[in-house]
Amino acid sequence: MPLVRARNPGFSGPAEPDDGAAVSAEWHEAALREFVTNVQVDVRRRLLPGLPLRKSVHPPELHDLVDAAVATARSCPDEYIRHRVEHQVGD
């Protein structure tokens, strides 16, 4: 089942169903945005393990979003999220 792109000016349209790399990139961008904007700890706990948090994995236009996700995780009151982000950034 293809992902539906979020309504965001950065998205240019749906990825082709058989383009795994594009679907993966789309998912990572949407998950980063959700992680940064959603204040629910349970949502952040579920998203964080699947988020690549190295800028080199993302196009330059998402580097600020990666920085925001790392900062959000590091300042989170939840101990698991603070610990997990350091593990992922250090990988």
PDB file of N, CA and C in Angstrom:
ATOM      1  N   MET A   1       0.843  -1.178   0.000  1.00  0.00           N
ATOM      2  CA  MET A   1       0.000   0.000   0.000  1.00  0.00           C
ATOM      3  C   MET A   1       0.890   1.242   0.000  1.00  0.00           C
ATOM      4  N   PRO A   2       0.769   2.130  -0.982  1.00  0.00           N
ATOM      5  CA  PRO A   2       1.633   3.310  -1.040  1.00  0.00           C
ATOM      6  C   PRO A   2       1.289   4.306   0.051  1.00  0.00           C
ATOM      7  N   LEU A   3       2.304   5.014   0.515  1.00  0.00           N
ATOM      8  CA  LEU A   3       2.093   6.071   1.495  1.00  0.00           C
ATOM      9  C   LEU A   3       1.506   7.283   0.800  1.00  0.00           C
ATOM     10  N   VAL A   4       0.703   8.010   1.490  1.00  0.00           N
ATOM     11  CA  VAL A   4       0.161   9.252   0.962  1.00  0.00           C
ATOM     12  C   VAL A   4       0.992  10.377   1.549  1.00  0.00           C
ATOM     13  N   ARG A   5       1.506  11.222   0.712  1.00  0.00           N
ATOM     14  CA  ARG A   5       2.359  12.309   1.198  1.00  0.00           C
ATOM     15  C   ARG A   5       1.544  13.290   2.026  1.00  0.00           C
ATOM     16  N   ALA A   6       2.192  13.778   3.074  1.00  0.00           N
ATOM     17  CA  ALA A   6       1.558  14.772   3.937  1.00  0.00           C
ATOM     18  C   ALA A   6       1.321  16.048   3.134  1.00  0.00           C
ATOM     19  N   ARG A   7       0.356  16.821   3.551  1.00  0.00           N
ATOM     20  CA  ARG A   7       0.098  18.090   2.878  1.00  0.00           C
ATOM     21  C   ARG A   7       1.147  19.080   3.363  1.00  0.00           C
ATOM     22  N   ASN A   8       2.199  19.193   2.586  1.00  0.00           N
ATOM     23  CA  ASN A   8       3.348  20.000   2.962  1.00  0.00           C
ATOM     24  C   ASN A   8       3.959  20.552   1.688  1.00  0.00           C
ATOM     25  N   PRO A   9       4.343  21.812   1.678  1.00  0.00           N
ATOM     26  CA  PRO A   9       4.924  22.387   0.465  1.00  0.00           C
ATOM     27  C   PRO A   9       6.194  21.667  -0.002  1.00  0.00           C
ATOM     28  N   GLY A  10       6.900  20.995   0.901  1.00  0.00           N
ATOM     29  CA  GLY A  10       8.119  20.287   0.534  1.00  0.00           C
ATOM     30  C   GLY A  10       7.872  19.004  -0.243  1.00  0.00           C
ATOM     31  N   PHE A  11       6.666  18.476  -0.182  1.00  0.00           N
ATOM     32  CA  PHE A  11       6.349  17.242  -0.889  1.00  0.00           C
ATOM     33  C   PHE A  11       5.876  17.577  -2.292  1.00  0.00           C
ATOM     34  N   SER A  12       6.396  16.857  -3.276  1.00  0.00           N
ATOM     35  CA  SER A  12       6.038  17.152  -4.658  1.00  0.00           C
ATOM     36  C   SER A  12       4.983  16.204  -5.215  1.00  0.00           C
ATOM     37  N   GLY A  13       4.564  15.240  -4.450  1.00  0.00           N
ATOM     38  CA  GLY A  13       3.565  14.291  -4.913  1.00  0.00           C
ATOM     39  C   GLY A  13       3.886  12.911  -4.391  1.00  0.00           C
ATOM     40  N   PRO A  14       2.986  11.967  -4.596  1.00  0.00           N
ATOM     41  CA  PRO A  14       3.212  10.625  -4.047  1.00  0.00           C
ATOM     42  C   PRO A  14       4.362   9.905  -4.745  1.00  0.00           C
ATOM     43  N   ALA A  15       5.092   9.123  -3.965  1.00  0.00           N
ATOM     44  CA  ALA A  15       6.159   8.293  -4.527  1.00  0.00           C
ATOM     45  C   ALA A  15       5.527   7.149  -5.301  1.00  0.00           C
ATOM     46  N   GLU A  16       6.247   6.654  -6.276  1.00  0.00           N
ATOM     47  CA  GLU A  16       5.782   5.479  -7.002  1.00  0.00           C
ATOM     48  C   GLU A  16       5.757   4.297  -6.036  1.00  0.00           C
ATOM     49  N   PRO A  17       4.746   3.437  -6.102  1.00  0.00           N
ATOM     50  CA  PRO A  17       4.632   2.323  -5.164  1.00  0.00           C
ATOM     51  C   PRO A  17       5.839   1.392  -5.159  1.00  0.00           C
ATOM     52  N   ASP A  18       6.545   1.274  -6.275  1.00  0.00           N
ATOM     53  CA  ASP A  18       7.673   0.352  -6.324  1.00  0.00           C
ATOM     54  C   ASP A  18       9.015   1.036  -6.074  1.00  0.00           C
ATOM     55  N   ASP A  19       9.014   2.290  -5.710  1.00  0.00           N
ATOM     56  CA  ASP A  19      10.241   3.035  -5.444  1.00  0.00           C
ATOM     57  C   ASP A  19      10.511   3.028  -3.937  1.00  0.00           C
ATOM     58  N   GLY A  20      11.144   1.961  -3.473  1.00  0.00           N
ATOM     59  CA  GLY A  20      11.381   1.778  -2.041  1.00  0.00           C
ATOM     60  C   GLY A  20      12.172   2.895  -1.405  1.00  0.00           C
ATOM     61  N   ALA A  21      13.201   3.398  -2.083  1.00  0.00           N
ATOM     62  CA  ALA A  21      14.025   4.465  -1.516  1.00  0.00           C
ATOM     63  C   ALA A  21      13.209   5.745  -1.340  1.00  0.00           C
ATOM     64  N   ALA A  22      12.369   6.060  -2.304  1.00  0.00           N
ATOM     65  CA  ALA A  22      11.549   7.265  -2.209  1.00  0.00           C
ATOM     66  C   ALA A  22      10.515   7.131  -1.104  1.00  0.00           C
ATOM     67  N   VAL A  23       9.919   5.975  -0.983  1.00  0.00           N
ATOM     68  CA  VAL A  23       8.925   5.742   0.070  1.00  0.00           C
ATOM     69  C   VAL A  23       9.599   5.840   1.438  1.00  0.00           C
ATOM     70  N   SER A  24      10.782   5.271   1.562  1.00  0.00           N
ATOM     71  CA  SER A  24      11.523   5.332   2.820  1.00  0.00           C
ATOM     72  C   SER A  24      11.878   6.777   3.173  1.00  0.00           C
ATOM     73  N   ALA A  25      12.357   7.538   2.207  1.00  0.00           N
ATOM     74  CA  ALA A  25      12.696   8.943   2.448  1.00  0.00           C
ATOM     75  C   ALA A  25      11.462   9.738   2.843  1.00  0.00           C
ATOM     76  N   GLU A  26      10.356   9.443   2.179  1.00  0.00           N
ATOM     77  CA  GLU A  26       9.084  10.109   2.495  1.00  0.00           C
ATOM     78  C   GLU A  26       8.667   9.809   3.931  1.00  0.00           C
ATOM     79  N   TRP A  27       8.766   8.553   4.305  1.00  0.00           N
ATOM     80  CA  TRP A  27       8.406   8.144   5.663  1.00  0.00           C
ATOM     81  C   TRP A  27       9.303   8.834   6.693  1.00  0.00           C
ATOM     82  N   HIS A  28      10.606   8.846   6.441  1.00  0.00           N
ATOM     83  CA  HIS A  28      11.525   9.470   7.394  1.00  0.00           C
ATOM     84  C   HIS A  28      11.227  10.950   7.574  1.00  0.00           C
ATOM     85  N   GLU A  29      10.943  11.643   6.481  1.00  0.00           N
ATOM     86  CA  GLU A  29      10.608  13.066   6.589  1.00  0.00           C
ATOM     87  C   GLU A  29       9.322  13.270   7.392  1.00  0.00           C
ATOM     88  N   ALA A  30       8.306  12.496   7.076  1.00  0.00           N
ATOM     89  CA  ALA A  30       7.032  12.626   7.797  1.00  0.00           C
ATOM     90  C   ALA A  30       7.207  12.290   9.276  1.00  0.00           C
ATOM     91  N   ALA A  31       7.989  11.248   9.577  1.00  0.00           N
ATOM     92  CA  ALA A  31       8.210  10.853  10.967  1.00  0.00           C
ATOM     93  C   ALA A  31       9.013  11.913  11.726  1.00  0.00           C
ATOM     94  N   LEU A  32      10.010  12.512  11.074  1.00  0.00           N
ATOM     95  CA  LEU A  32      10.768  13.599  11.708  1.00  0.00           C
ATOM     96  C   LEU A  32       9.840  14.763  12.053  1.00  0.00           C
ATOM     97  N   ARG A  33       9.005  15.137  11.087  1.00  0.00           N
ATOM     98  CA  ARG A  33       8.078  16.258  11.327  1.00  0.00           C
ATOM     99  C   ARG A  33       7.109  15.930  12.471  1.00  0.00           C
ATOM    100  N   GLU A  34       6.612  14.711  12.487  1.00  0.00           N
ATOM    101  CA  GLU A  34       5.672  14.320  13.546  1.00  0.00           C
ATOM    102  C   GLU A  34       6.379  14.296  14.896  1.00  0.00           C
ATOM    103  N   PHE A  35       7.595  13.796  14.937  1.00  0.00           N
ATOM    104  CA  PHE A  35       8.354  13.736  16.184  1.00  0.00           C
ATOM    105  C   PHE A  35       8.548  15.135  16.765  1.00  0.00           C
ATOM    106  N   VAL A  36       8.875  16.086  15.916  1.00  0.00           N
ATOM    107  CA  VAL A  36       9.139  17.447  16.382  1.00  0.00           C
ATOM    108  C   VAL A  36       7.861  18.156  16.826  1.00  0.00           C
ATOM    109  N   THR A  37       6.764  17.921  16.137  1.00  0.00           N
ATOM    110  CA  THR A  37       5.540  18.683  16.416  1.00  0.00           C
ATOM    111  C   THR A  37       4.587  18.017  17.406  1.00  0.00           C
ATOM    112  N   ASN A  38       4.668  16.718  17.558  1.00  0.00           N
ATOM    113  CA  ASN A  38       3.736  16.008  18.435  1.00  0.00           C
ATOM    114  C   ASN A  38       4.330  15.939  19.838  1.00  0.00           C
ATOM    115  N   VAL A  39       3.623  16.480  20.804  1.00  0.00           N
ATOM    116  CA  VAL A  39       4.155  16.546  22.172  1.00  0.00           C
ATOM    117  C   VAL A  39       3.858  15.293  23.001  1.00  0.00           C
ATOM    118  N   GLN A  40       3.141  14.342  22.432  1.00  0.00           N
ATOM    119  CA  GLN A  40       2.809  13.133  23.182  1.00  0.00           C
ATOM    120  C   GLN A  40       4.032  12.214  23.268  1.00  0.00           C
ATOM    121  N   VAL A  41       4.412  11.908  24.492  1.00  0.00           N
ATOM    122  CA  VAL A  41       5.596  11.096  24.741  1.00  0.00           C
ATOM    123  C   VAL A  41       5.474   9.725  24.084  1.00  0.00           C
ATOM    124  N   ASP A  42       4.311   9.108  24.161  1.00  0.00           N
ATOM    125  CA  ASP A  42       4.141   7.776  23.561  1.00  0.00           C
ATOM    126  C   ASP A  42       4.378   7.803  22.052  1.00  0.00           C
ATOM    127  N   VAL A  43       3.934   8.839  21.379  1.00  0.00           N
ATOM    128  CA  VAL A  43       4.154   8.963  19.941  1.00  0.00           C
ATOM    129  C   VAL A  43       5.646   9.112  19.676  1.00  0.00           C
ATOM    130  N   ARG A  44       6.299   9.966  20.421  1.00  0.00           N
ATOM    131  CA  ARG A  44       7.739  10.164  20.241  1.00  0.00           C
ATOM    132  C   ARG A  44       8.519   8.885  20.534  1.00  0.00           C
ATOM    133  N   ARG A  45       8.110   8.150  21.551  1.00  0.00           N
ATOM    134  CA  ARG A  45       8.799   6.888  21.875  1.00  0.00           C
ATOM    135  C   ARG A  45       8.692   5.884  20.731  1.00  0.00           C
ATOM    136  N   ARG A  46       7.582   5.872  20.061  1.00  0.00           N
ATOM    137  CA  ARG A  46       7.394   4.915  18.953  1.00  0.00           C
ATOM    138  C   ARG A  46       8.133   5.345  17.688  1.00  0.00           C
ATOM    139  N   LEU A  47       8.231   6.638  17.458  1.00  0.00           N
ATOM    140  CA  LEU A  47       8.883   7.132  16.251  1.00  0.00           C
ATOM    141  C   LEU A  47      10.411   7.103  16.343  1.00  0.00           C
ATOM    142  N   LEU A  48      10.934   7.456  17.494  1.00  0.00           N
ATOM    143  CA  LEU A  48      12.375   7.665  17.624  1.00  0.00           C
ATOM    144  C   LEU A  48      13.248   6.495  17.188  1.00  0.00           C
ATOM    145  N   PRO A  49      12.962   5.262  17.574  1.00  0.00           N
ATOM    146  CA  PRO A  49      13.865   4.167  17.174  1.00  0.00           C
ATOM    147  C   PRO A  49      14.021   3.992  15.661  1.00  0.00           C
ATOM    148  N   GLY A  50      13.045   4.412  14.894  1.00  0.00           N
ATOM    149  CA  GLY A  50      13.117   4.257  13.445  1.00  0.00           C
ATOM    150  C   GLY A  50      13.632   5.479  12.703  1.00  0.00           C
ATOM    151  N   LEU A  51      14.006   6.514  13.442  1.00  0.00           N
ATOM    152  CA  LEU A  51      14.457   7.742  12.797  1.00  0.00           C
ATOM    153  C   LEU A  51      15.971   7.773  12.626  1.00  0.00           C
ATOM    154  N   PRO A  52      16.441   7.919  11.400  1.00  0.00           N
ATOM    155  CA  PRO A  52      17.874   8.168  11.232  1.00  0.00           C
ATOM    156  C   PRO A  52      18.149   9.625  11.624  1.00  0.00           C
ATOM    157  N   LEU A  53      19.054   9.826  12.551  1.00  0.00           N
ATOM    158  CA  LEU A  53      19.297  11.173  13.071  1.00  0.00           C
ATOM    159  C   LEU A  53      20.652  11.741  12.663  1.00  0.00           C
ATOM    160  N   ARG A  54      21.243  11.183  11.636  1.00  0.00           N
ATOM    161  CA  ARG A  54      22.477  11.743  11.072  1.00  0.00           C
ATOM    162  C   ARG A  54      22.098  12.561   9.839  1.00  0.00           C
ATOM    163  N   LYS A  55      22.623  13.765   9.756  1.00  0.00           N
ATOM    164  CA  LYS A  55      22.290  14.630   8.624  1.00  0.00           C
ATOM    165  C   LYS A  55      22.671  14.003   7.294  1.00  0.00           C
ATOM    166  N   SER A  56      23.728  13.210   7.294  1.00  0.00           N
ATOM    167  CA  SER A  56      24.205  12.618   6.043  1.00  0.00           C
ATOM    168  C   SER A  56      23.181  11.688   5.391  1.00  0.00           C
ATOM    169  N   VAL A  57      22.191  11.254   6.148  1.00  0.00           N
ATOM    170  CA  VAL A  57      21.150  10.363   5.628  1.00  0.00           C
ATOM    171  C   VAL A  57      20.074  11.156   4.888  1.00  0.00           C
ATOM    172  N   HIS A  58      19.985  12.443   5.166  1.00  0.00           N
ATOM    173  CA  HIS A  58      18.899  13.283   4.654  1.00  0.00           C
ATOM    174  C   HIS A  58      19.421  14.330   3.682  1.00  0.00           C
ATOM    175  N   PRO A  59      18.550  14.807   2.791  1.00  0.00           N
ATOM    176  CA  PRO A  59      18.946  15.904   1.904  1.00  0.00           C
ATOM    177  C   PRO A  59      19.161  17.187   2.722  1.00  0.00           C
ATOM    178  N   PRO A  60      19.972  18.096   2.199  1.00  0.00           N
ATOM    179  CA  PRO A  60      20.296  19.322   2.943  1.00  0.00           C
ATOM    180  C   PRO A  60      19.085  20.107   3.436  1.00  0.00           C
ATOM    181  N   GLU A  61      17.993  20.083   2.685  1.00  0.00           N
ATOM    182  CA  GLU A  61      16.823  20.864   3.106  1.00  0.00           C
ATOM    183  C   GLU A  61      16.166  20.304   4.368  1.00  0.00           C
ATOM    184  N   LEU A  62      16.539  19.105   4.795  1.00  0.00           N
ATOM    185  CA  LEU A  62      15.984  18.534   6.035  1.00  0.00           C
ATOM    186  C   LEU A  62      16.960  18.606   7.211  1.00  0.00           C
ATOM    187  N   HIS A  63      18.145  19.146   7.017  1.00  0.00           N
ATOM    188  CA  HIS A  63      19.135  19.176   8.097  1.00  0.00           C
ATOM    189  C   HIS A  63      18.646  19.961   9.316  1.00  0.00           C
ATOM    190  N   ASP A  64      17.959  21.081   9.095  1.00  0.00           N
ATOM    191  CA  ASP A  64      17.407  21.832  10.224  1.00  0.00           C
ATOM    192  C   ASP A  64      16.365  21.017  10.975  1.00  0.00           C
ATOM    193  N   LEU A  65      15.584  20.225  10.244  1.00  0.00           N
ATOM    194  CA  LEU A  65      14.577  19.372  10.875  1.00  0.00           C
ATOM    195  C   LEU A  65      15.238  18.268  11.704  1.00  0.00           C
ATOM    196  N   VAL A  66      16.326  17.708  11.202  1.00  0.00           N
ATOM    197  CA  VAL A  66      17.075  16.708  11.973  1.00  0.00           C
ATOM    198  C   VAL A  66      17.611  17.352  13.248  1.00  0.00           C
ATOM    199  N   ASP A  67      18.180  18.558  13.133  1.00  0.00           N
ATOM    200  CA  ASP A  67      18.674  19.273  14.318  1.00  0.00           C
ATOM    201  C   ASP A  67      17.546  19.515  15.323  1.00  0.00           C
ATOM    202  N   ALA A  68      16.379  19.875  14.818  1.00  0.00           N
ATOM    203  CA  ALA A  68      15.227  20.119  15.693  1.00  0.00           C
ATOM    204  C   ALA A  68      14.794  18.834  16.391  1.00  0.00           C
ATOM    205  N   ALA A  69      14.807  17.714  15.667  1.00  0.00           N
ATOM    206  CA  ALA A  69      14.424  16.438  16.279  1.00  0.00           C
ATOM    207  C   ALA A  69      15.406  16.039  17.379  1.00  0.00           C
ATOM    208  N   VAL A  70      16.698  16.217  17.118  1.00  0.00           N
ATOM    209  CA  VAL A  70      17.716  15.885  18.128  1.00  0.00           C
ATOM    210  C   VAL A  70      17.560  16.795  19.346  1.00  0.00           C
ATOM    211  N   ALA A  71      17.381  18.082  19.122  1.00  0.00           N
ATOM    212  CA  ALA A  71      17.200  19.021  20.233  1.00  0.00           C
ATOM    213  C   ALA A  71      15.932  18.706  21.024  1.00  0.00           C
ATOM    214  N   THR A  72      14.865  18.362  20.311  1.00  0.00           N
ATOM    215  CA  THR A  72      13.604  18.005  20.969  1.00  0.00           C
ATOM    216  C   THR A  72      13.795  16.782  21.850  1.00  0.00           C
ATOM    217  N   ALA A  73      14.465  15.781  21.328  1.00  0.00           N
ATOM    218  CA  ALA A  73      14.702  14.552  22.095  1.00  0.00           C
ATOM    219  C   ALA A  73      15.603  14.806  23.293  1.00  0.00           C
ATOM    220  N   ARG A  74      16.642  15.590  23.110  1.00  0.00           N
ATOM    221  CA  ARG A  74      17.582  15.867  24.205  1.00  0.00           C
ATOM    222  C   ARG A  74      16.941  16.672  25.330  1.00  0.00           C
ATOM    223  N   SER A  75      15.941  17.469  25.004  1.00  0.00           N
ATOM    224  CA  SER A  75      15.296  18.292  26.031  1.00  0.00           C
ATOM    225  C   SER A  75      14.000  17.665  26.556  1.00  0.00           C
ATOM    226  N   CYS A  76      13.663  16.499  26.087  1.00  0.00           N
ATOM    227  CA  CYS A  76      12.429  15.826  26.497  1.00  0.00           C
ATOM    228  C   CYS A  76      12.510  15.408  27.967  1.00  0.00           C
ATOM    229  N   PRO A  77      11.439  15.546  28.707  1.00  0.00           N
ATOM    230  CA  PRO A  77      11.457  15.099  30.105  1.00  0.00           C
ATOM    231  C   PRO A  77      11.524  13.572  30.243  1.00  0.00           C
ATOM    232  N   ASP A  78      11.265  12.843  29.170  1.00  0.00           N
ATOM    233  CA  ASP A  78      11.257  11.390  29.218  1.00  0.00           C
ATOM    234  C   ASP A  78      12.687  10.844  29.149  1.00  0.00           C
ATOM    235  N   GLU A  79      13.080  10.078  30.147  1.00  0.00           N
ATOM    236  CA  GLU A  79      14.446   9.559  30.229  1.00  0.00           C
ATOM    237  C   GLU A  79      14.786   8.633  29.061  1.00  0.00           C
ATOM    238  N   TYR A  80      13.853   7.772  28.672  1.00  0.00           N
ATOM    239  CA  TYR A  80      14.103   6.856  27.561  1.00  0.00           C
ATOM    240  C   TYR A  80      14.445   7.619  26.295  1.00  0.00           C
ATOM    241  N   ILE A  81      13.690   8.659  25.981  1.00  0.00           N
ATOM    242  CA  ILE A  81      13.913   9.438  24.763  1.00  0.00           C
ATOM    243  C   ILE A  81      15.275  10.120  24.823  1.00  0.00           C
ATOM    244  N   ARG A  82      15.621  10.700  25.970  1.00  0.00           N
ATOM    245  CA  ARG A  82      16.929  11.351  26.101  1.00  0.00           C
ATOM    246  C   ARG A  82      18.067  10.346  25.919  1.00  0.00           C
ATOM    247  N   HIS A  83      17.921   9.164  26.480  1.00  0.00           N
ATOM    248  CA  HIS A  83      18.945   8.125  26.346  1.00  0.00           C
ATOM    249  C   HIS A  83      19.011   7.625  24.902  1.00  0.00           C
ATOM    250  N   ARG A  84      17.868   7.378  24.311  1.00  0.00           N
ATOM    251  CA  ARG A  84      17.801   6.801  22.968  1.00  0.00           C
ATOM    252  C   ARG A  84      18.420   7.733  21.924  1.00  0.00           C
ATOM    253  N   VAL A  85      18.168   9.022  22.041  1.00  0.00           N
ATOM    254  CA  VAL A  85      18.698   9.953  21.043  1.00  0.00           C
ATOM    255  C   VAL A  85      20.232   9.940  21.070  1.00  0.00           C
ATOM    256  N   GLU A  86      20.825   9.832  22.237  1.00  0.00           N
ATOM    257  CA  GLU A  86      22.287   9.818  22.308  1.00  0.00           C
ATOM    258  C   GLU A  86      22.832   8.540  21.665  1.00  0.00           C
ATOM    259  N   HIS A  87      22.133   7.463  21.841  1.00  0.00           N
ATOM    260  CA  HIS A  87      22.528   6.191  21.208  1.00  0.00           C
ATOM    261  C   HIS A  87      22.472   6.322  19.686  1.00  0.00           C
ATOM    262  N   GLN A  88      21.411   6.925  19.180  1.00  0.00           N
ATOM    263  CA  GLN A  88      21.220   7.028  17.735  1.00  0.00           C
ATOM    264  C   GLN A  88      22.159   8.052  17.097  1.00  0.00           C
ATOM    265  N   VAL A  89      22.398   9.157  17.763  1.00  0.00           N
ATOM    266  CA  VAL A  89      23.282  10.172  17.219  1.00  0.00           C
ATOM    267  C   VAL A  89      24.718   9.657  17.226  1.00  0.00           C
ATOM    268  N   GLY A  90      25.048   8.844  18.213  1.00  0.00           N
ATOM    269  CA  GLY A  90      26.389   8.309  18.323  1.00  0.00           C
ATOM    270  C   GLY A  90      26.692   7.176  17.370  1.00  0.00           C
ATOM    271  N   ASP A  91      25.663   6.596  16.725  1.00  0.00           N
ATOM    272  CA  ASP A  91      25.884   5.481  15.801  1.00  0.00           C
ATOM    273  C   ASP A  91      26.655   5.894  14.578  1.00  0.00           C
TER     274      ASP A  91
END
